């Protein structure tokens, strides 16, 4: 029997056969797909597992780094607290020390001024006559019983005979500076306020007394250079300048300024030269005594940073002490 015969005789049976064939094919295709899906699924599982492991490792690294950073931050905070404590303790210690020194200096000044006022009250303002024996070199021979009476001038009149020379120096100091002047001549110019201070020191204080600091060591040294120049005109080589400053840095600054202002060299600073530098007042007093024993004149300069003045220094005929303000002394202590 042929196909046409089947179709002619029984068409419904033909449809059933075709449907069964298509169902078989569909089952085969679905089986293949399921097998392929089963093969692909393990691969996806493997990739998923590897990604999780990587993310876990990265997370663990981040946690460890975070812990180490937290530890370092704590250590830095501890060090910061220690440094702040050290700074606070050191600053308080220094400020207390400076305050004690300034207070001690104030107490010294108060006591010195009180003693000075008491001594002034005891002074006899009337000049006492001095009995001078006649010199054996006098041409006229006089009887030994006769005495000459000499009046001692007041302290403010010490430089009265040399007023013309001093005033001439003052006028030259206000002119243009002469950078090529001879050694020991002032090569810088001074303003009118400096001249007023120097005039007061010569003609009212008699060449001995305390002056208010000009605000810096450089200005004080320049004013002192003017005094040295004038004393050189009056006494020549018969006087020596003694400078007292308790630290080498301060003495070095004095030397540089005076060397520049007076046209000096290093050879002009030393025991046998025109200017001698001292760190201790005992050396100044000893040197001044020796100069007076050799009939020479000491001129003592005391730096503004010195918090006290030895009383034996006040007995010498020529001295100047610069009195620094509290801020100036504090700043100088901070720098040194």
Protein backbone atom coordinates (compact mmCIF):
# COMPACT_ATOMS: atom_id res chain seq x y z
CA UNK A 1 0.00 0.00 0.00
CA UNK A 2 1.35 3.44 -0.95
CA UNK A 3 1.19 6.78 0.79
CA UNK A 4 -1.37 8.12 -1.54
CA UNK A 5 -3.51 5.23 -0.80
CA UNK A 6 -3.21 5.86 2.90
CA UNK A 7 -4.02 9.47 2.51
CA UNK A 8 -6.93 8.71 0.30
CA UNK A 9 -8.32 6.04 2.48
CA UNK A 10 -7.51 7.52 6.00
CA UNK A 11 -6.47 11.17 6.22
CA UNK A 12 -6.87 11.41 10.03
CA UNK A 13 -4.39 8.68 10.59
CA UNK A 14 -1.87 10.58 8.52
CA UNK A 15 -2.21 13.61 10.73
CA UNK A 16 -1.60 11.58 13.86
CA UNK A 17 1.59 10.15 12.45
CA UNK A 18 2.93 13.60 11.53
CA UNK A 19 2.16 14.93 14.96
CA UNK A 20 3.97 12.07 16.65
CA UNK A 21 7.01 12.68 14.51
CA UNK A 22 7.09 16.39 15.38
CA UNK A 23 6.71 15.57 19.10
CA UNK A 24 9.71 13.26 18.93
CA UNK A 25 11.82 15.97 17.35
CA UNK A 26 10.78 18.49 19.95
CA UNK A 27 11.74 16.11 22.77
CA UNK A 28 15.15 15.50 21.21
CA UNK A 29 15.82 19.27 20.87
CA UNK A 30 14.79 19.92 24.50
CA UNK A 31 17.08 17.11 25.72
CA UNK A 32 20.00 18.70 23.84
CA UNK A 33 19.28 22.11 25.35
CA UNK A 34 19.13 20.70 28.86
CA UNK A 35 22.46 18.95 28.42
CA UNK A 36 24.05 22.15 27.10
CA UNK A 37 22.64 24.13 30.01
CA UNK A 38 24.04 21.58 32.41
CA UNK A 39 27.44 21.95 30.81
CA UNK A 40 27.37 25.80 30.97
CA UNK A 41 26.19 26.05 34.60
CA UNK A 42 29.38 24.71 36.24
CA UNK A 43 31.44 27.27 34.37
CA UNK A 44 29.29 30.11 35.70
CA UNK A 45 29.63 28.72 39.24
CA UNK A 46 33.40 28.68 38.92
CA UNK A 47 33.55 32.31 37.75
CA UNK A 48 31.19 33.34 40.55
CA UNK A 49 33.36 31.66 43.17
CA UNK A 50 36.56 33.31 41.89
CA UNK A 51 34.96 36.79 41.95
CA UNK A 52 33.82 36.27 45.56
CA UNK A 53 37.27 35.20 46.61
CA UNK A 54 38.84 38.26 45.00
CA UNK A 55 36.35 40.62 46.63
CA UNK A 56 36.98 38.98 50.02
CA UNK A 57 40.74 39.40 49.66
CA UNK A 58 40.34 43.06 48.71
CA UNK A 59 38.05 43.61 51.67
CA UNK A 60 40.54 41.94 54.05
CA UNK A 61 43.35 44.16 52.69
CA UNK A 62 41.26 47.28 53.19
CA UNK A 63 40.43 46.26 56.76
CA UNK A 64 44.09 45.60 57.58
CA UNK A 65 45.14 48.93 56.06
CA UNK A 66 42.45 50.69 58.01
CA UNK A 67 43.65 49.10 61.25
CA UNK A 68 47.25 50.12 60.55
CA UNK A 69 46.18 53.70 59.74
CA UNK A 70 44.14 53.92 62.94
CA UNK A 71 47.15 52.68 64.91
CA UNK A 72 49.46 55.25 63.27
CA UNK A 73 46.95 58.03 63.93
CA UNK A 74 46.82 57.08 67.62
CA UNK A 75 50.64 57.07 67.81
CA UNK A 76 50.81 60.50 66.14
CA UNK A 77 48.21 61.89 68.52
CA UNK A 78 50.22 60.58 71.47
CA UNK A 79 53.39 62.21 70.13
CA UNK A 80 51.48 65.45 69.51
CA UNK A 81 50.26 65.52 73.11
CA UNK A 82 53.78 64.87 74.41
CA UNK A 83 55.23 67.67 72.26
CA UNK A 84 52.54 70.09 73.40
CA UNK A 85 53.29 69.25 77.03
CA UNK A 86 57.04 69.79 76.46
CA UNK A 87 56.45 73.11 74.71
CA UNK A 88 54.10 74.30 77.43
CA UNK A 89 56.46 73.32 80.24
CA UNK A 90 59.55 74.81 78.53
CA UNK A 91 57.82 78.07 77.65
CA UNK A 92 56.46 78.45 81.15
CA UNK A 93 59.90 77.78 82.60
CA UNK A 94 61.59 80.33 80.35
CA UNK A 95 58.93 82.97 80.90
CA UNK A 96 59.15 82.48 84.68
CA UNK A 97 62.93 82.79 84.54
CA UNK A 98 62.75 85.96 82.45
CA UNK A 99 60.09 87.42 84.71
CA UNK A 100 62.27 86.72 87.76
CA UNK A 101 65.28 88.40 86.15
CA UNK A 102 63.27 91.44 85.10
CA UNK A 103 61.72 91.69 88.55
CA UNK A 104 65.17 91.37 90.14
CA UNK A 105 66.47 94.16 87.93
CA UNK A 106 63.52 96.37 88.87
CA UNK A 107 64.14 95.72 92.56
CA UNK A 108 67.82 96.52 92.09
CA UNK A 109 67.00 99.79 90.34
CA UNK A 110 64.57 100.72 93.10
CA UNK A 111 67.15 100.05 95.79
CA UNK A 112 69.90 101.84 93.86
CA UNK A 113 67.74 104.92 93.34
CA UNK A 114 66.82 104.97 97.01
CA UNK A 115 70.47 104.73 98.03
CA UNK A 116 71.36 107.40 95.50
CA UNK A 117 68.71 109.78 96.82
CA UNK A 118 69.92 109.20 100.38
CA UNK A 119 73.51 109.88 99.37
CA UNK A 120 72.47 113.03 97.52
CA UNK A 121 70.71 114.30 100.61
CA UNK A 122 73.91 113.83 102.58
CA UNK A 123 76.03 115.70 100.03
CA UNK A 124 77.26 119.14 100.90
CA UNK A 125 76.44 121.36 97.98
CA UNK A 126 78.95 124.00 99.05
CA UNK A 127 82.34 123.25 97.50
CA UNK A 128 85.06 122.56 100.04
CA UNK A 129 88.43 124.26 99.70
CA UNK A 130 91.45 122.10 99.00
CA UNK A 131 94.77 123.02 100.46
CA UNK A 132 97.57 122.62 97.94
CA UNK A 133 101.20 122.91 98.88
CA UNK A 134 103.35 125.03 96.60
CA UNK A 135 105.43 123.17 94.08
CA UNK A 136 109.21 123.12 94.61
CA UNK A 137 109.54 124.06 90.95
CA UNK A 138 107.93 127.43 91.46
CA UNK A 139 110.31 130.32 90.82
CA UNK A 140 109.10 132.23 93.80
CA UNK A 141 109.99 130.64 97.09
CA UNK A 142 107.28 130.95 99.61
CA UNK A 143 107.10 130.09 103.20
CA UNK A 144 105.89 126.53 103.90
CA UNK A 145 103.24 127.87 106.21
CA UNK A 146 101.40 129.70 103.41
CA UNK A 147 98.72 127.68 101.70
CA UNK A 148 96.86 128.12 98.42
CA UNK A 149 93.12 127.64 98.40
CA UNK A 150 91.62 126.08 95.24
CA UNK A 151 87.91 125.79 94.65
CA UNK A 152 86.72 122.44 93.26
CA UNK A 153 84.24 122.96 90.40
CA UNK A 154 80.81 121.34 90.57
CA UNK A 155 80.27 118.08 88.72
CA UNK A 156 78.28 119.76 85.95
CA UNK A 157 81.22 122.09 85.28
CA UNK A 158 83.74 119.31 84.68
CA UNK A 159 83.76 119.87 80.92
CA UNK A 160 83.01 123.60 81.03
CA UNK A 161 86.56 124.58 79.97
CA UNK A 162 86.29 122.29 76.93
CA UNK A 163 82.81 123.43 75.93
CA UNK A 164 83.97 125.02 72.69
CA UNK A 165 85.71 121.84 71.48
CA UNK A 166 82.74 119.66 72.43
CA UNK A 167 80.21 121.95 70.74
CA UNK A 168 82.35 121.97 67.60
CA UNK A 169 82.26 118.17 67.56
CA UNK A 170 78.49 118.26 67.99
CA UNK A 171 78.07 120.47 64.94
CA UNK A 172 80.28 118.19 62.83
CA UNK A 173 78.27 115.14 63.89
CA UNK A 174 75.08 116.60 62.40
CA UNK A 175 76.68 117.11 58.99
CA UNK A 176 77.01 114.55 56.21
CA UNK A 177 79.00 111.48 57.33
CA UNK A 178 82.67 111.39 56.35
CA UNK A 179 83.37 107.76 55.46
CA UNK A 180 87.07 108.48 54.91
CA UNK A 181 87.76 110.33 58.16
CA UNK A 182 90.84 109.46 60.22
CA UNK A 183 90.63 106.56 62.69
CA UNK A 184 88.92 107.41 65.99
CA UNK A 185 86.90 110.15 64.22
CA UNK A 186 83.16 109.56 63.88
CA UNK A 187 82.35 108.47 60.34
CA UNK A 188 78.59 108.54 60.80
CA UNK A 189 76.10 111.33 61.43
CA UNK A 190 73.86 111.75 64.47
CA UNK A 191 70.42 113.31 64.77
CA UNK A 192 69.44 116.18 67.05
CA UNK A 193 68.07 113.88 69.78
CA UNK A 194 71.45 112.13 70.04
CA UNK A 195 73.21 115.50 70.32
CA UNK A 196 70.84 116.55 73.14
CA UNK A 197 71.61 113.36 75.07
CA UNK A 198 75.36 113.82 74.64
CA UNK A 199 75.12 117.48 75.66
CA UNK A 200 73.26 116.47 78.84
CA UNK A 201 75.84 113.76 79.60
CA UNK A 202 78.78 116.18 79.28
CA UNK A 203 77.45 119.38 80.83
CA UNK A 204 74.82 118.21 83.32
CA UNK A 205 76.05 114.76 84.39
CA UNK A 206 79.72 115.66 84.19
CA UNK A 207 80.56 112.58 82.09
CA UNK A 208 79.07 109.99 84.42
CA UNK A 209 75.55 108.65 84.61
CA UNK A 210 72.85 106.39 83.21
CA UNK A 211 71.20 107.07 79.86
CA UNK A 212 67.95 105.67 78.56
CA UNK A 213 68.59 103.14 75.83
CA UNK A 214 68.02 104.35 72.28
CA UNK A 215 66.02 101.19 71.55
CA UNK A 216 68.73 98.95 70.11
CA UNK A 217 72.37 98.04 70.67
CA UNK A 218 73.30 99.52 67.30
CA UNK A 219 71.99 102.98 68.23
CA UNK A 220 73.60 102.82 71.68
CA UNK A 221 76.95 101.88 70.14
CA UNK A 222 76.69 104.71 67.60
CA UNK A 223 76.04 107.22 70.39
CA UNK A 224 78.98 105.77 72.33
CA UNK A 225 81.18 106.15 69.24
CA UNK A 226 80.41 109.87 69.31
CA UNK A 227 81.41 110.08 72.99
CA UNK A 228 84.65 108.17 72.30
CA UNK A 229 85.46 110.50 69.40
CA UNK A 230 85.01 113.61 71.59
CA UNK A 231 87.01 112.15 74.50
CA UNK A 232 89.77 111.36 72.03
CA UNK A 233 89.86 115.05 71.08
CA UNK A 234 90.13 116.01 74.77
CA UNK A 235 92.50 113.38 76.18
CA UNK A 236 94.28 111.85 73.19
CA UNK A 237 95.93 108.54 74.08
CA UNK A 238 95.55 109.10 77.82
CA UNK A 239 92.22 107.27 78.10
CA UNK A 240 90.96 103.77 77.33
CA UNK A 241 87.39 102.60 76.67
CA UNK A 242 86.16 99.58 78.67
CA UNK A 243 82.94 97.93 77.43
CA UNK A 244 80.94 95.54 79.64
CA UNK A 245 78.50 93.06 78.08
CA UNK A 246 77.95 89.64 79.64
CA UNK A 247 77.79 87.59 76.42
CA UNK A 248 80.27 87.19 73.54
CA UNK A 249 77.54 87.83 70.94
CA UNK A 250 76.80 91.23 72.46
CA UNK A 251 80.49 92.15 72.62
CA UNK A 252 80.89 91.08 69.01
CA UNK A 253 78.08 93.40 68.00
CA UNK A 254 79.69 96.28 69.91
CA UNK A 255 83.03 95.64 68.22
CA UNK A 256 81.54 95.56 64.71
CA UNK A 257 79.58 98.79 65.16
CA UNK A 258 82.45 100.73 66.74
CA UNK A 259 84.87 99.40 64.14
CA UNK A 260 82.57 100.66 61.39
CA UNK A 261 81.68 103.99 63.06
CA UNK A 262 85.23 105.00 64.05
CA UNK A 263 87.23 103.44 61.20
CA UNK A 264 89.02 100.98 63.49
CA UNK A 265 90.65 97.60 62.92
CA UNK A 266 90.87 94.47 65.05
CA UNK A 267 94.21 95.69 66.39
CA UNK A 268 92.39 98.59 68.10
CA UNK A 269 90.59 96.10 70.38
CA UNK A 270 92.69 94.53 73.11
CA UNK A 271 94.37 95.07 76.50
CA UNK A 272 97.03 97.34 75.03
CA UNK A 273 94.72 99.12 72.58
CA UNK A 274 92.10 101.83 72.75
CA UNK A 275 89.08 99.60 73.45
CA UNK A 276 88.88 96.56 75.73
CA UNK A 277 85.86 94.22 75.88
CA UNK A 278 84.77 92.50 79.12
CA UNK A 279 82.15 89.89 80.00
CA UNK A 280 82.49 90.34 83.79
CA UNK A 281 82.41 93.53 85.87
CA UNK A 282 85.37 92.38 88.02
CA UNK A 283 87.65 92.63 85.00
CA UNK A 284 86.41 96.15 84.24
CA UNK A 285 87.04 97.32 87.81
CA UNK A 286 90.51 95.79 87.92
CA UNK A 287 91.49 97.32 84.58
CA UNK A 288 90.12 100.76 85.53
CA UNK A 289 92.10 100.72 88.80
CA UNK A 290 95.26 99.86 86.88
CA UNK A 291 94.69 102.70 84.41
CA UNK A 292 94.22 105.23 87.18
CA UNK A 293 97.39 103.95 88.88
CA UNK A 294 99.22 104.71 85.61
CA UNK A 295 97.62 108.20 85.53
CA UNK A 296 95.37 107.26 82.62
CA UNK A 297 91.62 107.73 82.33
CA UNK A 298 89.15 104.83 82.00
CA UNK A 299 85.87 105.36 80.13
CA UNK A 300 83.38 102.59 81.05
CA UNK A 301 80.38 101.68 78.84
CA UNK A 302 77.73 99.27 80.19
CA UNK A 303 75.43 97.45 77.76
CA UNK A 304 71.66 97.91 78.08
CA UNK A 305 71.14 94.16 78.59
CA UNK A 306 73.07 94.19 81.88
CA UNK A 307 70.56 93.85 84.71
CA UNK A 308 72.87 95.21 87.42
CA UNK A 309 75.78 97.61 87.86
CA UNK A 310 78.55 96.96 90.36
CA UNK A 311 78.87 99.81 92.85
CA UNK A 312 82.69 100.11 92.51
CA UNK A 313 82.18 101.12 88.87
CA UNK A 314 80.34 104.25 90.01
CA UNK A 315 83.49 105.64 91.64
CA UNK A 316 85.29 106.19 88.33
CA UNK A 317 85.11 109.64 86.69
CA UNK A 318 83.83 108.59 83.24
CA UNK A 319 81.11 106.00 82.75
CA UNK A 320 77.80 105.58 80.96
CA UNK A 321 75.22 102.83 81.57
CA UNK A 322 72.42 102.31 79.07
CA UNK A 323 69.13 101.43 80.79
CA UNK A 324 67.07 99.16 78.54
CA UNK A 325 63.30 98.86 78.72
CA UNK A 326 61.58 95.65 79.84
CA UNK A 327 60.69 94.74 76.25
CA UNK A 328 64.23 95.39 75.04
CA UNK A 329 65.74 93.18 77.76
CA UNK A 330 63.14 90.47 77.10
CA UNK A 331 63.79 90.49 73.34
CA UNK A 332 67.53 90.36 73.89
CA UNK A 333 67.19 87.36 76.21
CA UNK A 334 64.98 85.62 73.64
CA UNK A 335 67.55 86.13 70.84
CA UNK A 336 70.43 84.88 72.92
